[in-house]
Amino acid sequence: MKTGRAALIIAFLASTAGAAMVAVTDVGASKDATVVYTLAQCGDTPCTLINHGMEPTLSASLQDGEASRILLGFTLPPGTTADGIASCQLQMQRPVQGPSEQYTLTASEALGDWDQITVNGITDLPTGKTVGSVQSIGNARPEPIDVTDACKDAADAGNGGAFSLWVDSSGPAVMFPSMKTGAAATLRVFSA
């Protein structure tokens, strides 16, 4: 019995010895905000100028001439290099409110730095290339979005691994908890 068990353990170790070990590191958003783009007025102030960086929810929508986008900031783990990243995924939390129909979440690179307290639709415009998307419905937690290219670009940028992502929705508003609730969006980094 002991000989058979030892042989099984040795066979398992031999079969995995050549396999690369993959480390997984989860990184919570270091800053997040909803950024609104609209021509509408909110009282005496254009809605586009209002900061939503300290609110408990994040909202993404594209409807009726108004766009709300989620802006997320992350910092890669120290020492992360582009060559060391096997893959990278953005995991949003379960929505606190989602449309009943299917929608698409799209992640794009955000160029430049931003301040969570002052960001608005004038200070930060959606820029950068699209890096991934997923479809979801209702209040189901969306599948992870592959953002490997954005992570590798950030690792090569020489700014300490800090980078940001825009998250857009293809339709009616979907709302996620912000980092203020303790349930931040998460970046999952797979390193070889």
N, C-alpha and C. Protein backbone atom coordinates (compact mmCIF):
# COMPACT_ATOMS: atom_id res chain seq x y z
N MET A 1 0.82 -1.19 0.00
CA MET A 1 0.00 0.00 0.00
C MET A 1 0.86 1.24 0.00
N LYS A 2 1.87 1.30 0.91
CA LYS A 2 2.73 2.47 0.97
C LYS A 2 3.56 2.61 -0.30
N THR A 3 4.01 1.50 -0.87
CA THR A 3 4.82 1.54 -2.08
C THR A 3 3.99 2.10 -3.24
N GLY A 4 2.74 1.68 -3.36
CA GLY A 4 1.86 2.18 -4.42
C GLY A 4 1.59 3.66 -4.29
N ARG A 5 1.36 4.11 -3.06
CA ARG A 5 1.09 5.53 -2.81
C ARG A 5 2.34 6.37 -3.12
N ALA A 6 3.51 5.89 -2.71
CA ALA A 6 4.76 6.61 -2.98
C ALA A 6 5.00 6.68 -4.48
N ALA A 7 4.73 5.60 -5.21
CA ALA A 7 4.92 5.60 -6.66
C ALA A 7 3.98 6.60 -7.32
N LEU A 8 2.77 6.69 -6.81
CA LEU A 8 1.79 7.64 -7.34
C LEU A 8 2.25 9.07 -7.11
N ILE A 9 2.76 9.37 -5.93
CA ILE A 9 3.25 10.71 -5.62
C ILE A 9 4.46 11.04 -6.49
N ILE A 10 5.38 10.10 -6.66
CA ILE A 10 6.56 10.32 -7.50
C ILE A 10 6.13 10.55 -8.95
N ALA A 11 5.18 9.78 -9.44
CA ALA A 11 4.69 9.95 -10.81
C ALA A 11 4.05 11.32 -11.00
N PHE A 12 3.27 11.77 -10.00
CA PHE A 12 2.65 13.08 -10.06
C PHE A 12 3.70 14.18 -10.10
N LEU A 13 4.69 14.09 -9.20
CA LEU A 13 5.74 15.10 -9.16
C LEU A 13 6.54 15.12 -10.45
N ALA A 14 6.81 13.98 -11.03
CA ALA A 14 7.55 13.91 -12.29
C ALA A 14 6.74 14.54 -13.42
N SER A 15 5.42 14.32 -13.42
CA SER A 15 4.59 14.86 -14.50
C SER A 15 4.44 16.37 -14.40
N THR A 16 4.56 16.93 -13.20
CA THR A 16 4.40 18.37 -13.05
C THR A 16 5.74 19.11 -12.99
N ALA A 17 6.85 18.39 -12.95
CA ALA A 17 8.15 19.03 -12.83
C ALA A 17 8.45 19.91 -14.02
N GLY A 18 8.05 19.52 -15.22
CA GLY A 18 8.32 20.31 -16.41
C GLY A 18 7.31 21.41 -16.64
N ALA A 19 6.20 21.38 -15.94
CA ALA A 19 5.16 22.39 -16.14
C ALA A 19 5.56 23.69 -15.46
N ALA A 20 5.28 24.80 -16.14
CA ALA A 20 5.60 26.11 -15.57
C ALA A 20 4.64 26.42 -14.43
N MET A 21 5.18 26.99 -13.39
CA MET A 21 4.34 27.40 -12.28
C MET A 21 3.78 28.78 -12.59
N VAL A 22 2.51 28.96 -12.35
CA VAL A 22 1.86 30.24 -12.60
C VAL A 22 1.41 30.82 -11.27
N ALA A 23 1.86 32.05 -11.01
CA ALA A 23 1.43 32.75 -9.80
C ALA A 23 0.24 33.64 -10.16
N VAL A 24 -0.72 33.72 -9.26
CA VAL A 24 -1.90 34.54 -9.47
C VAL A 24 -1.93 35.61 -8.39
N THR A 25 -2.04 36.87 -8.81
CA THR A 25 -2.10 37.98 -7.88
C THR A 25 -3.33 38.82 -8.18
N ASP A 26 -4.17 39.05 -7.18
CA ASP A 26 -5.34 39.90 -7.33
C ASP A 26 -4.99 41.30 -6.81
N VAL A 27 -5.31 42.31 -7.63
CA VAL A 27 -5.04 43.70 -7.28
C VAL A 27 -6.36 44.46 -7.36
N GLY A 28 -6.78 45.05 -6.25
CA GLY A 28 -7.99 45.86 -6.25
C GLY A 28 -7.73 47.22 -6.88
N ALA A 29 -8.78 47.83 -7.41
CA ALA A 29 -8.65 49.16 -7.98
C ALA A 29 -8.13 50.12 -6.92
N SER A 30 -7.19 50.99 -7.33
CA SER A 30 -6.65 52.00 -6.41
C SER A 30 -7.47 53.28 -6.47
N LYS A 31 -8.26 53.43 -7.53
CA LYS A 31 -9.18 54.56 -7.67
C LYS A 31 -10.23 54.18 -8.71
N ASP A 32 -11.42 54.75 -8.55
CA ASP A 32 -12.50 54.49 -9.50
C ASP A 32 -13.46 55.66 -9.53
N ALA A 33 -14.15 55.82 -10.64
CA ALA A 33 -15.09 56.92 -10.79
C ALA A 33 -16.04 56.64 -11.94
N THR A 34 -17.21 57.25 -11.89
CA THR A 34 -18.10 57.32 -13.04
C THR A 34 -17.86 58.67 -13.70
N VAL A 35 -17.71 58.67 -15.01
CA VAL A 35 -17.50 59.91 -15.76
C VAL A 35 -18.67 60.04 -16.73
N VAL A 36 -19.37 61.18 -16.64
CA VAL A 36 -20.59 61.40 -17.43
C VAL A 36 -20.31 62.36 -18.58
N TYR A 37 -20.80 62.00 -19.75
CA TYR A 37 -20.69 62.83 -20.95
C TYR A 37 -22.10 63.12 -21.45
N THR A 38 -22.53 64.37 -21.31
CA THR A 38 -23.87 64.75 -21.74
C THR A 38 -23.92 66.27 -21.92
N LEU A 39 -24.88 66.72 -22.69
CA LEU A 39 -25.10 68.15 -22.85
C LEU A 39 -26.12 68.67 -21.85
N ALA A 40 -26.72 67.78 -21.06
CA ALA A 40 -27.77 68.16 -20.11
C ALA A 40 -27.21 69.01 -18.97
N GLN A 41 -28.10 69.75 -18.36
CA GLN A 41 -27.77 70.57 -17.20
C GLN A 41 -28.25 69.86 -15.93
N CYS A 42 -27.47 69.96 -14.89
CA CYS A 42 -27.86 69.47 -13.56
C CYS A 42 -27.95 70.71 -12.68
N GLY A 43 -29.13 71.32 -12.66
CA GLY A 43 -29.28 72.61 -11.97
C GLY A 43 -28.59 73.67 -12.79
N ASP A 44 -27.70 74.43 -12.16
CA ASP A 44 -26.96 75.48 -12.85
C ASP A 44 -25.65 74.99 -13.46
N THR A 45 -25.31 73.73 -13.25
CA THR A 45 -24.03 73.18 -13.69
C THR A 45 -24.23 72.14 -14.80
N PRO A 46 -23.43 72.20 -15.85
CA PRO A 46 -23.49 71.12 -16.84
C PRO A 46 -23.16 69.78 -16.15
N CYS A 47 -23.97 68.75 -16.39
CA CYS A 47 -23.78 67.45 -15.73
C CYS A 47 -22.38 66.89 -15.99
N THR A 48 -21.81 67.20 -17.16
CA THR A 48 -20.49 66.71 -17.52
C THR A 48 -19.42 67.20 -16.55
N LEU A 49 -19.65 68.33 -15.88
CA LEU A 49 -18.65 68.90 -14.98
C LEU A 49 -18.71 68.34 -13.55
N ILE A 50 -19.72 67.53 -13.27
CA ILE A 50 -19.89 67.02 -11.91
C ILE A 50 -18.99 65.81 -11.68
N ASN A 51 -18.26 65.82 -10.57
CA ASN A 51 -17.39 64.71 -10.21
C ASN A 51 -18.20 63.61 -9.52
N HIS A 52 -17.96 62.38 -9.95
CA HIS A 52 -18.62 61.21 -9.34
C HIS A 52 -17.58 60.21 -8.81
N GLY A 53 -16.41 60.72 -8.43
CA GLY A 53 -15.32 59.86 -8.00
C GLY A 53 -15.40 59.36 -6.57
N MET A 54 -16.30 59.90 -5.78
CA MET A 54 -16.36 59.48 -4.38
C MET A 54 -17.70 58.84 -4.03
N GLU A 55 -18.42 58.38 -5.04
CA GLU A 55 -19.73 57.79 -4.82
C GLU A 55 -19.64 56.28 -4.57
N PRO A 56 -20.64 55.69 -3.95
CA PRO A 56 -20.59 54.26 -3.62
C PRO A 56 -20.89 53.33 -4.81
N THR A 57 -21.33 53.91 -5.94
CA THR A 57 -21.59 53.07 -7.11
C THR A 57 -20.89 53.65 -8.33
N LEU A 58 -20.64 52.78 -9.29
CA LEU A 58 -20.08 53.13 -10.59
C LEU A 58 -21.13 52.80 -11.64
N SER A 59 -21.29 53.65 -12.63
CA SER A 59 -22.33 53.45 -13.63
C SER A 59 -21.77 53.53 -15.03
N ALA A 60 -22.20 52.61 -15.88
CA ALA A 60 -21.85 52.64 -17.30
C ALA A 60 -23.13 52.50 -18.10
N SER A 61 -23.32 53.40 -19.08
CA SER A 61 -24.50 53.32 -19.95
C SER A 61 -24.26 54.11 -21.22
N LEU A 62 -25.03 53.78 -22.22
CA LEU A 62 -25.01 54.49 -23.48
C LEU A 62 -26.45 54.51 -23.97
N GLN A 63 -27.13 55.62 -23.70
CA GLN A 63 -28.54 55.72 -24.09
C GLN A 63 -28.99 57.17 -24.13
N ASP A 64 -29.92 57.45 -25.01
CA ASP A 64 -30.55 58.77 -25.10
C ASP A 64 -29.56 59.93 -25.17
N GLY A 65 -28.49 59.78 -25.95
CA GLY A 65 -27.53 60.86 -26.11
C GLY A 65 -26.63 61.10 -24.92
N GLU A 66 -26.66 60.23 -23.95
CA GLU A 66 -25.82 60.37 -22.76
C GLU A 66 -24.95 59.14 -22.61
N ALA A 67 -23.72 59.36 -22.25
CA ALA A 67 -22.81 58.24 -21.99
C ALA A 67 -22.23 58.40 -20.60
N SER A 68 -22.26 57.33 -19.84
CA SER A 68 -21.58 57.25 -18.55
C SER A 68 -20.56 56.14 -18.67
N ARG A 69 -19.34 56.42 -18.28
CA ARG A 69 -18.28 55.44 -18.37
C ARG A 69 -17.62 55.28 -17.01
N ILE A 70 -17.14 54.08 -16.76
CA ILE A 70 -16.42 53.79 -15.53
C ILE A 70 -14.93 53.94 -15.82
N LEU A 71 -14.23 54.63 -14.94
CA LEU A 71 -12.80 54.79 -15.05
C LEU A 71 -12.17 54.13 -13.83
N LEU A 72 -11.28 53.18 -14.07
CA LEU A 72 -10.63 52.41 -13.00
C LEU A 72 -9.13 52.60 -13.06
N GLY A 73 -8.50 52.79 -11.91
CA GLY A 73 -7.05 52.89 -11.83
C GLY A 73 -6.48 51.71 -11.07
N PHE A 74 -5.38 51.17 -11.56
CA PHE A 74 -4.70 50.03 -10.95
C PHE A 74 -3.20 50.27 -10.90
N THR A 75 -2.51 49.55 -10.03
CA THR A 75 -1.06 49.51 -10.02
C THR A 75 -0.66 48.04 -9.98
N LEU A 76 0.12 47.64 -10.99
CA LEU A 76 0.59 46.26 -11.05
C LEU A 76 1.48 45.95 -9.86
N PRO A 77 1.56 44.67 -9.46
CA PRO A 77 2.45 44.30 -8.35
C PRO A 77 3.90 44.72 -8.65
N PRO A 78 4.66 45.13 -7.62
CA PRO A 78 6.06 45.55 -7.83
C PRO A 78 6.86 44.47 -8.55
N GLY A 79 7.71 44.92 -9.47
CA GLY A 79 8.58 44.00 -10.20
C GLY A 79 7.92 43.30 -11.38
N THR A 80 6.66 43.61 -11.68
CA THR A 80 5.98 42.98 -12.80
C THR A 80 6.56 43.49 -14.11
N THR A 81 6.90 42.57 -15.00
CA THR A 81 7.40 42.93 -16.33
C THR A 81 6.42 42.40 -17.37
N ALA A 82 6.45 43.00 -18.55
CA ALA A 82 5.56 42.55 -19.63
C ALA A 82 5.82 41.08 -19.97
N ASP A 83 7.09 40.69 -20.01
CA ASP A 83 7.43 39.30 -20.33
C ASP A 83 6.97 38.33 -19.24
N GLY A 84 6.84 38.83 -18.01
CA GLY A 84 6.42 37.98 -16.89
C GLY A 84 4.92 37.82 -16.77
N ILE A 85 4.15 38.55 -17.57
CA ILE A 85 2.68 38.46 -17.51
C ILE A 85 2.20 37.40 -18.50
N ALA A 86 1.60 36.34 -17.97
CA ALA A 86 1.00 35.32 -18.84
C ALA A 86 -0.35 35.79 -19.33
N SER A 87 -1.15 36.36 -18.44
CA SER A 87 -2.44 36.95 -18.82
C SER A 87 -2.90 37.86 -17.69
N CYS A 88 -3.91 38.65 -18.00
CA CYS A 88 -4.40 39.63 -17.04
C CYS A 88 -5.90 39.79 -17.29
N GLN A 89 -6.70 39.73 -16.23
CA GLN A 89 -8.16 39.81 -16.36
C GLN A 89 -8.73 40.88 -15.43
N LEU A 90 -9.70 41.61 -15.97
CA LEU A 90 -10.47 42.56 -15.17
C LEU A 90 -11.73 41.87 -14.71
N GLN A 91 -11.95 41.82 -13.39
CA GLN A 91 -13.16 41.22 -12.84
C GLN A 91 -13.99 42.29 -12.15
N MET A 92 -15.13 42.61 -12.75
CA MET A 92 -16.07 43.53 -12.11
C MET A 92 -16.84 42.75 -11.05
N GLN A 93 -17.37 43.44 -10.06
CA GLN A 93 -18.19 42.80 -9.05
C GLN A 93 -19.59 42.55 -9.60
N ARG A 94 -20.42 41.87 -8.85
CA ARG A 94 -21.82 41.67 -9.24
C ARG A 94 -22.51 43.03 -9.25
N PRO A 95 -23.24 43.35 -10.32
CA PRO A 95 -23.91 44.65 -10.38
C PRO A 95 -24.92 44.82 -9.24
N VAL A 96 -25.04 46.04 -8.77
CA VAL A 96 -26.10 46.35 -7.80
C VAL A 96 -27.39 46.65 -8.55
N GLN A 97 -27.25 46.97 -9.82
CA GLN A 97 -28.41 47.17 -10.70
C GLN A 97 -27.96 46.91 -12.13
N GLY A 98 -28.70 46.06 -12.83
CA GLY A 98 -28.34 45.77 -14.21
C GLY A 98 -29.58 45.72 -15.08
N PRO A 99 -29.42 45.95 -16.39
CA PRO A 99 -30.56 45.89 -17.29
C PRO A 99 -31.06 44.47 -17.44
N SER A 100 -32.34 44.32 -17.74
CA SER A 100 -32.91 42.97 -17.89
C SER A 100 -32.45 42.31 -19.18
N GLU A 101 -32.08 43.12 -20.18
CA GLU A 101 -31.60 42.54 -21.43
C GLU A 101 -30.08 42.37 -21.40
N GLN A 102 -29.58 41.64 -22.39
CA GLN A 102 -28.15 41.40 -22.49
C GLN A 102 -27.42 42.70 -22.82
N TYR A 103 -26.24 42.87 -22.28
CA TYR A 103 -25.41 44.04 -22.58
C TYR A 103 -23.97 43.58 -22.70
N THR A 104 -23.15 44.44 -23.30
CA THR A 104 -21.73 44.16 -23.48
C THR A 104 -20.92 45.16 -22.67
N LEU A 105 -19.98 44.65 -21.89
CA LEU A 105 -19.02 45.50 -21.19
C LEU A 105 -17.72 45.47 -21.99
N THR A 106 -17.19 46.65 -22.28
CA THR A 106 -15.97 46.76 -23.06
C THR A 106 -14.93 47.53 -22.25
N ALA A 107 -13.72 46.99 -22.19
CA ALA A 107 -12.62 47.65 -21.49
C ALA A 107 -11.66 48.23 -22.53
N SER A 108 -11.25 49.48 -22.28
CA SER A 108 -10.29 50.17 -23.14
C SER A 108 -9.22 50.80 -22.28
N GLU A 109 -8.02 50.93 -22.86
CA GLU A 109 -6.95 51.61 -22.14
C GLU A 109 -7.31 53.07 -21.97
N ALA A 110 -6.98 53.64 -20.83
CA ALA A 110 -7.16 55.07 -20.58
C ALA A 110 -5.77 55.69 -20.57
N LEU A 111 -5.60 56.74 -21.36
CA LEU A 111 -4.29 57.37 -21.46
C LEU A 111 -4.19 58.51 -20.46
N GLY A 112 -3.07 58.61 -19.79
CA GLY A 112 -2.86 59.71 -18.84
C GLY A 112 -3.34 59.38 -17.45
N ASP A 113 -2.88 60.19 -16.51
CA ASP A 113 -3.25 60.02 -15.11
C ASP A 113 -4.49 60.88 -14.81
N TRP A 114 -5.17 60.60 -13.72
CA TRP A 114 -6.37 61.35 -13.34
C TRP A 114 -6.51 61.31 -11.83
N ASP A 115 -7.26 62.26 -11.33
CA ASP A 115 -7.49 62.40 -9.90
C ASP A 115 -8.93 62.02 -9.59
N GLN A 116 -9.11 61.11 -8.67
CA GLN A 116 -10.44 60.61 -8.32
C GLN A 116 -11.36 61.71 -7.79
N ILE A 117 -10.81 62.72 -7.16
CA ILE A 117 -11.62 63.77 -6.55
C ILE A 117 -12.06 64.82 -7.57
N THR A 118 -11.29 65.00 -8.66
CA THR A 118 -11.63 66.06 -9.61
C THR A 118 -12.03 65.56 -11.00
N VAL A 119 -11.92 64.28 -11.28
CA VAL A 119 -12.20 63.78 -12.64
C VAL A 119 -13.66 64.05 -13.03
N ASN A 120 -13.85 64.48 -14.27
CA ASN A 120 -15.20 64.68 -14.82
C ASN A 120 -15.14 64.54 -16.33
N GLY A 121 -16.25 64.78 -17.01
CA GLY A 121 -16.33 64.59 -18.45
C GLY A 121 -15.53 65.58 -19.27
N ILE A 122 -14.99 66.61 -18.66
CA ILE A 122 -14.14 67.57 -19.36
C ILE A 122 -12.66 67.26 -19.09
N THR A 123 -12.33 66.85 -17.86
CA THR A 123 -10.93 66.62 -17.51
C THR A 123 -10.38 65.33 -18.09
N ASP A 124 -11.23 64.35 -18.37
CA ASP A 124 -10.75 63.08 -18.87
C ASP A 124 -11.67 62.55 -19.96
N LEU A 125 -11.14 62.48 -21.17
CA LEU A 125 -11.91 61.99 -22.31
C LEU A 125 -11.53 60.55 -22.60
N PRO A 126 -12.50 59.74 -23.06
CA PRO A 126 -12.18 58.34 -23.36
C PRO A 126 -11.18 58.25 -24.51
N THR A 127 -10.07 57.65 -24.23
CA THR A 127 -9.00 57.48 -25.20
C THR A 127 -8.44 56.08 -25.07
N GLY A 128 -7.60 55.68 -25.97
CA GLY A 128 -6.93 54.39 -25.88
C GLY A 128 -7.65 53.30 -26.63
N LYS A 129 -6.91 52.23 -26.86
CA LYS A 129 -7.44 51.13 -27.66
C LYS A 129 -8.31 50.19 -26.81
N THR A 130 -9.28 49.58 -27.47
CA THR A 130 -10.12 48.57 -26.83
C THR A 130 -9.27 47.32 -26.61
N VAL A 131 -9.38 46.74 -25.40
CA VAL A 131 -8.56 45.57 -25.08
C VAL A 131 -9.38 44.31 -24.83
N GLY A 132 -10.67 44.42 -24.58
CA GLY A 132 -11.48 43.22 -24.37
C GLY A 132 -12.92 43.55 -24.05
N SER A 133 -13.78 42.55 -24.20
CA SER A 133 -15.20 42.74 -23.88
C SER A 133 -15.84 41.41 -23.52
N VAL A 134 -16.95 41.50 -22.80
CA VAL A 134 -17.75 40.33 -22.43
C VAL A 134 -19.22 40.72 -22.49
N GLN A 135 -20.06 39.71 -22.63
CA GLN A 135 -21.51 39.94 -22.58
C GLN A 135 -22.02 39.44 -21.25
N SER A 136 -23.04 40.15 -20.74
CA SER A 136 -23.65 39.77 -19.48
C SER A 136 -25.12 40.14 -19.54
N ILE A 137 -25.85 39.77 -18.49
CA ILE A 137 -27.28 40.08 -18.43
C ILE A 137 -27.69 40.31 -16.98
N GLY A 138 -28.54 41.30 -16.78
CA GLY A 138 -29.12 41.54 -15.46
C GLY A 138 -28.08 41.74 -14.37
N ASN A 139 -28.34 41.14 -13.22
CA ASN A 139 -27.47 41.29 -12.06
C ASN A 139 -26.46 40.16 -11.93
N ALA A 140 -26.28 39.37 -13.00
CA ALA A 140 -25.27 38.31 -12.96
C ALA A 140 -23.89 38.95 -12.98
N ARG A 141 -22.96 38.38 -12.22
CA ARG A 141 -21.59 38.91 -12.24
C ARG A 141 -20.99 38.63 -13.61
N PRO A 142 -20.49 39.67 -14.28
CA PRO A 142 -19.91 39.46 -15.61
C PRO A 142 -18.68 38.55 -15.55
N GLU A 143 -18.46 37.83 -16.62
CA GLU A 143 -17.24 37.04 -16.75
C GLU A 143 -16.05 38.00 -16.78
N PRO A 144 -14.86 37.53 -16.46
CA PRO A 144 -13.68 38.40 -16.52
C PRO A 144 -13.44 38.89 -17.94
N ILE A 145 -12.90 40.11 -18.05
CA ILE A 145 -12.53 40.69 -19.34
C ILE A 145 -11.02 40.56 -19.50
N ASP A 146 -10.58 40.00 -20.62
CA ASP A 146 -9.15 39.85 -20.88
C ASP A 146 -8.55 41.22 -21.18
N VAL A 147 -7.67 41.69 -20.32
CA VAL A 147 -7.01 42.99 -20.49
C VAL A 147 -5.49 42.83 -20.51
N THR A 148 -5.04 41.68 -21.00
CA THR A 148 -3.61 41.35 -21.00
C THR A 148 -2.78 42.42 -21.70
N ASP A 149 -3.24 42.89 -22.87
CA ASP A 149 -2.47 43.90 -23.60
C ASP A 149 -2.28 45.16 -22.78
N ALA A 150 -3.31 45.60 -22.07
CA ALA A 150 -3.21 46.81 -21.25
C ALA A 150 -2.21 46.60 -20.11
N CYS A 151 -2.23 45.44 -19.49
CA CYS A 151 -1.29 45.16 -18.39
C CYS A 151 0.15 45.14 -18.90
N LYS A 152 0.36 44.51 -20.05
CA LYS A 152 1.72 44.47 -20.60
C LYS A 152 2.19 45.86 -21.00
N ASP A 153 1.30 46.67 -21.59
CA ASP A 153 1.66 48.04 -21.93
C ASP A 153 2.06 48.82 -20.67
N ALA A 154 1.31 48.63 -19.58
CA ALA A 154 1.59 49.33 -18.33
C ALA A 154 2.92 48.87 -17.73
N ALA A 155 3.20 47.58 -17.82
CA ALA A 155 4.46 47.06 -17.27
C ALA A 155 5.66 47.63 -18.02
N ASP A 156 5.49 47.91 -19.32
CA ASP A 156 6.57 48.45 -20.14
C ASP A 156 6.66 49.97 -20.10
N ALA A 157 5.66 50.65 -19.55
CA ALA A 157 5.57 52.11 -19.63
C ALA A 157 6.55 52.85 -18.72
N GLY A 158 7.10 52.18 -17.73
CA GLY A 158 8.07 52.83 -16.85
C GLY A 158 7.46 53.80 -15.84
N ASN A 159 6.18 53.63 -15.51
CA ASN A 159 5.54 54.52 -14.53
C ASN A 159 5.12 53.75 -13.28
N GLY A 160 5.90 52.74 -12.94
CA GLY A 160 5.62 51.97 -11.73
C GLY A 160 4.44 51.03 -11.86
N GLY A 161 4.03 50.73 -13.09
CA GLY A 161 2.92 49.80 -13.30
C GLY A 161 1.55 50.41 -13.11
N ALA A 162 1.47 51.72 -12.95
CA ALA A 162 0.17 52.38 -12.78
C ALA A 162 -0.48 52.56 -14.15
N PHE A 163 -1.76 52.22 -14.23
CA PHE A 163 -2.50 52.41 -15.48
C PHE A 163 -3.99 52.43 -15.18
N SER A 164 -4.75 52.84 -16.19
CA SER A 164 -6.20 52.96 -16.01
C SER A 164 -6.95 52.31 -17.17
N LEU A 165 -8.18 51.92 -16.89
CA LEU A 165 -9.06 51.32 -17.89
C LEU A 165 -10.41 52.02 -17.87
N TRP A 166 -10.96 52.24 -19.06
CA TRP A 166 -12.36 52.65 -19.20
C TRP A 166 -13.20 51.40 -19.30
N VAL A 167 -14.39 51.40 -18.71
CA VAL A 167 -15.35 50.31 -18.89
C VAL A 167 -16.64 50.93 -19.38
N ASP A 168 -17.08 50.48 -20.55
CA ASP A 168 -18.30 50.98 -21.19
C ASP A 168 -19.35 49.88 -21.23
N SER A 169 -20.62 50.27 -21.21
CA SER A 169 -21.74 49.36 -21.41
C SER A 169 -22.41 49.71 -22.74
N SER A 170 -22.94 48.71 -23.40
CA SER A 170 -23.54 48.92 -24.72
C SER A 170 -24.97 49.43 -24.66
N GLY A 171 -25.55 49.58 -23.49
CA GLY A 171 -26.95 49.99 -23.45
C GLY A 171 -27.36 50.62 -22.16
N PRO A 172 -28.53 50.23 -21.65
CA PRO A 172 -29.05 50.81 -20.42
C PRO A 172 -28.05 50.68 -19.27
N ALA A 173 -28.22 51.54 -18.28
CA ALA A 173 -27.27 51.63 -17.18
C ALA A 173 -27.09 50.31 -16.44
N VAL A 174 -25.83 50.02 -16.16
CA VAL A 174 -25.47 48.94 -15.26
C VAL A 174 -24.63 49.59 -14.17
N MET A 175 -24.96 49.28 -12.92
CA MET A 175 -24.28 49.91 -11.78
C MET A 175 -23.55 48.86 -10.96
N PHE A 176 -22.31 49.18 -10.63
CA PHE A 176 -21.46 48.29 -9.85
C PHE A 176 -21.06 48.98 -8.55
N PRO A 177 -20.74 48.20 -7.51
CA PRO A 177 -20.24 48.85 -6.29
C PRO A 177 -18.87 49.46 -6.56
N SER A 178 -18.60 50.61 -5.95
CA SER A 178 -17.28 51.23 -6.10
C SER A 178 -16.38 50.76 -4.97
N MET A 179 -15.14 51.18 -5.01
CA MET A 179 -14.19 50.78 -3.97
C MET A 179 -14.58 51.34 -2.61
N LYS A 180 -15.44 52.38 -2.60
CA LYS A 180 -15.90 52.95 -1.33
C LYS A 180 -16.72 51.95 -0.53
N THR A 181 -17.28 50.93 -1.18
CA THR A 181 -18.08 49.92 -0.49
C THR A 181 -17.22 48.75 -0.01
N GLY A 182 -15.94 48.75 -0.39
CA GLY A 182 -15.07 47.63 -0.04
C GLY A 182 -15.12 46.52 -1.08
N ALA A 183 -15.85 46.73 -2.17
CA ALA A 183 -16.00 45.72 -3.22
C ALA A 183 -15.48 46.27 -4.54
N ALA A 184 -14.20 46.59 -4.59
CA ALA A 184 -13.60 47.19 -5.78
C ALA A 184 -13.51 46.18 -6.92
N ALA A 185 -13.48 46.72 -8.15
CA ALA A 185 -13.14 45.90 -9.30
C ALA A 185 -11.74 45.34 -9.06
N THR A 186 -11.47 44.16 -9.60
CA THR A 186 -10.21 43.48 -9.33
C THR A 186 -9.48 43.16 -10.62
N LEU A 187 -8.18 43.32 -10.60
CA LEU A 187 -7.32 42.92 -11.69
C LEU A 187 -6.64 41.63 -11.25
N ARG A 188 -6.79 40.58 -12.03
CA ARG A 188 -6.15 39.29 -11.72
C ARG A 188 -4.99 39.11 -12.68
N VAL A 189 -3.78 39.09 -12.11
CA VAL A 189 -2.56 39.00 -12.91
C VAL A 189 -2.00 37.58 -12.78
N PHE A 190 -1.85 36.91 -13.93
CA PHE A 190 -1.26 35.58 -13.99
C PHE A 190 0.19 35.74 -14.47
N SER A 191 1.14 35.39 -13.62
CA SER A 191 2.57 35.56 -13.94
C SER A 191 3.22 34.21 -14.09
N ALA A 192 4.10 34.11 -15.10
CA ALA A 192 4.81 32.86 -15.33
C ALA A 192 6.10 32.84 -14.55
